[in-house]
Amino acid sequence: MTGWRRQVPAGIDALSVRRRPMADPLGLERQLLAAVVRRPWRFAELVDQTHVPAVARTHAVRLLWRRRMAVDLTLPFGDAAWVYPAGGHDG
């Protein structure tokens, strides 16, 4: 079998929904970037580091799409996915 693993296109599709510009009046993107620079987080744990986790989910996906943070797409994207600073990880 050739090509990408099944979860890769699904992960890219999940990220691409946040490709359009959006406002961040609560500064959630700054909070997310500050947290992920300290250490890698599971997606759900990362958004929980912010003041408004439910809204931060949307901003986290946008930062992943814009490559300001990184995620390992060899595993399905979801709450358990590891999120890293942009530029790679030791995994």
Protein backbone atom coordinates (compact mmCIF):
# COMPACT_ATOMS: atom_id res chain seq x y z
CA MET A 1 0.00 0.00 0.00
CA THR A 2 1.37 3.44 -0.87
CA GLY A 3 0.46 6.96 0.14
CA TRP A 4 -0.27 8.63 3.45
CA ARG A 5 -1.66 6.93 6.49
CA ARG A 6 -5.42 7.38 6.75
CA GLN A 7 -5.23 9.84 9.65
CA VAL A 8 -2.91 12.29 7.84
CA PRO A 9 -5.48 13.67 5.35
CA ALA A 10 -8.09 13.73 8.13
CA GLY A 11 -5.71 15.70 10.35
CA ILE A 12 -4.90 18.18 7.59
CA ASP A 13 -8.61 18.61 6.90
CA ALA A 14 -9.27 19.28 10.61
CA LEU A 15 -6.56 21.95 10.67
CA SER A 16 -7.52 23.62 7.39
CA VAL A 17 -10.91 24.76 8.69
CA ARG A 18 -9.09 27.55 10.57
CA ARG A 19 -7.09 28.90 7.64
CA ARG A 20 -8.99 32.18 7.40
CA PRO A 21 -8.02 35.30 9.38
CA MET A 22 -9.66 35.76 12.77
CA ALA A 23 -9.45 38.26 15.60
CA ASP A 24 -7.91 37.37 18.95
CA PRO A 25 -9.18 40.06 21.37
CA LEU A 26 -8.58 37.79 24.40
CA GLY A 27 -4.90 37.17 23.57
CA LEU A 28 -5.38 33.41 23.53
CA GLU A 29 -2.83 32.82 20.78
CA ARG A 30 -0.18 34.56 22.87
CA GLN A 31 -1.11 32.33 25.84
CA LEU A 32 -0.94 29.19 23.71
CA LEU A 33 2.44 30.08 22.21
CA ALA A 34 3.86 30.94 25.64
CA ALA A 35 2.74 27.59 27.03
CA VAL A 36 3.99 25.45 24.16
CA VAL A 37 7.40 27.12 24.18
CA ARG A 38 7.89 25.87 27.76
CA ARG A 39 7.25 22.23 26.84
CA PRO A 40 5.14 19.98 24.57
CA TRP A 41 1.54 19.47 25.65
CA ARG A 42 -1.32 17.20 24.71
CA PHE A 43 -3.82 19.34 22.75
CA ALA A 44 -6.48 19.28 25.49
CA GLU A 45 -3.93 20.15 28.19
CA LEU A 46 -2.54 23.00 26.09
CA VAL A 47 -5.88 24.73 25.61
CA ASP A 48 -6.58 24.26 29.33
CA GLN A 49 -3.57 26.52 30.03
CA THR A 50 -5.53 29.51 28.73
CA HIS A 51 -8.20 31.69 30.36
CA VAL A 52 -10.93 30.45 27.99
CA PRO A 53 -10.16 26.86 26.89
CA ALA A 54 -13.30 26.43 24.75
CA VAL A 55 -12.39 29.44 22.61
CA ALA A 56 -8.66 28.63 22.72
CA ARG A 57 -9.30 25.39 20.81
CA THR A 58 -10.15 27.37 17.69
CA HIS A 59 -7.07 29.54 18.06
CA ALA A 60 -4.81 26.53 18.71
CA VAL A 61 -6.00 24.89 15.50
CA ARG A 62 -5.35 28.16 13.65
CA LEU A 63 -1.79 28.33 15.05
CA LEU A 64 -1.21 24.73 13.95
CA TRP A 65 -2.49 25.51 10.45
CA ARG A 66 -0.25 28.59 10.24
CA ARG A 67 2.72 26.50 11.49
CA ARG A 68 3.27 28.62 14.58
CA MET A 69 3.00 25.34 16.53
CA ALA A 70 3.50 21.76 15.36
CA VAL A 71 1.59 18.52 15.78
CA ASP A 72 2.55 14.94 14.94
CA LEU A 73 0.12 13.80 12.23
CA THR A 74 1.35 10.19 12.29
CA LEU A 75 -1.32 9.78 14.96
CA PRO A 76 -4.96 10.91 14.69
CA PHE A 77 -5.48 14.58 15.56
CA GLY A 78 -7.51 15.13 18.71
CA ASP A 79 -7.28 15.96 22.40
CA ALA A 80 -4.48 13.42 22.97
CA ALA A 81 -2.29 14.72 20.10
CA TRP A 82 1.07 16.16 21.16
CA VAL A 83 1.64 19.81 20.28
CA TYR A 84 5.18 21.17 20.02
CA PRO A 85 6.84 24.51 19.37
CA ALA A 86 7.22 25.16 15.65
CA GLY A 87 10.54 23.87 14.38
CA GLY A 88 10.30 20.25 15.49
CA HIS A 89 10.73 18.06 18.53
CA ASP A 90 12.98 15.27 19.74
CA GLY A 91 10.31 12.54 19.29
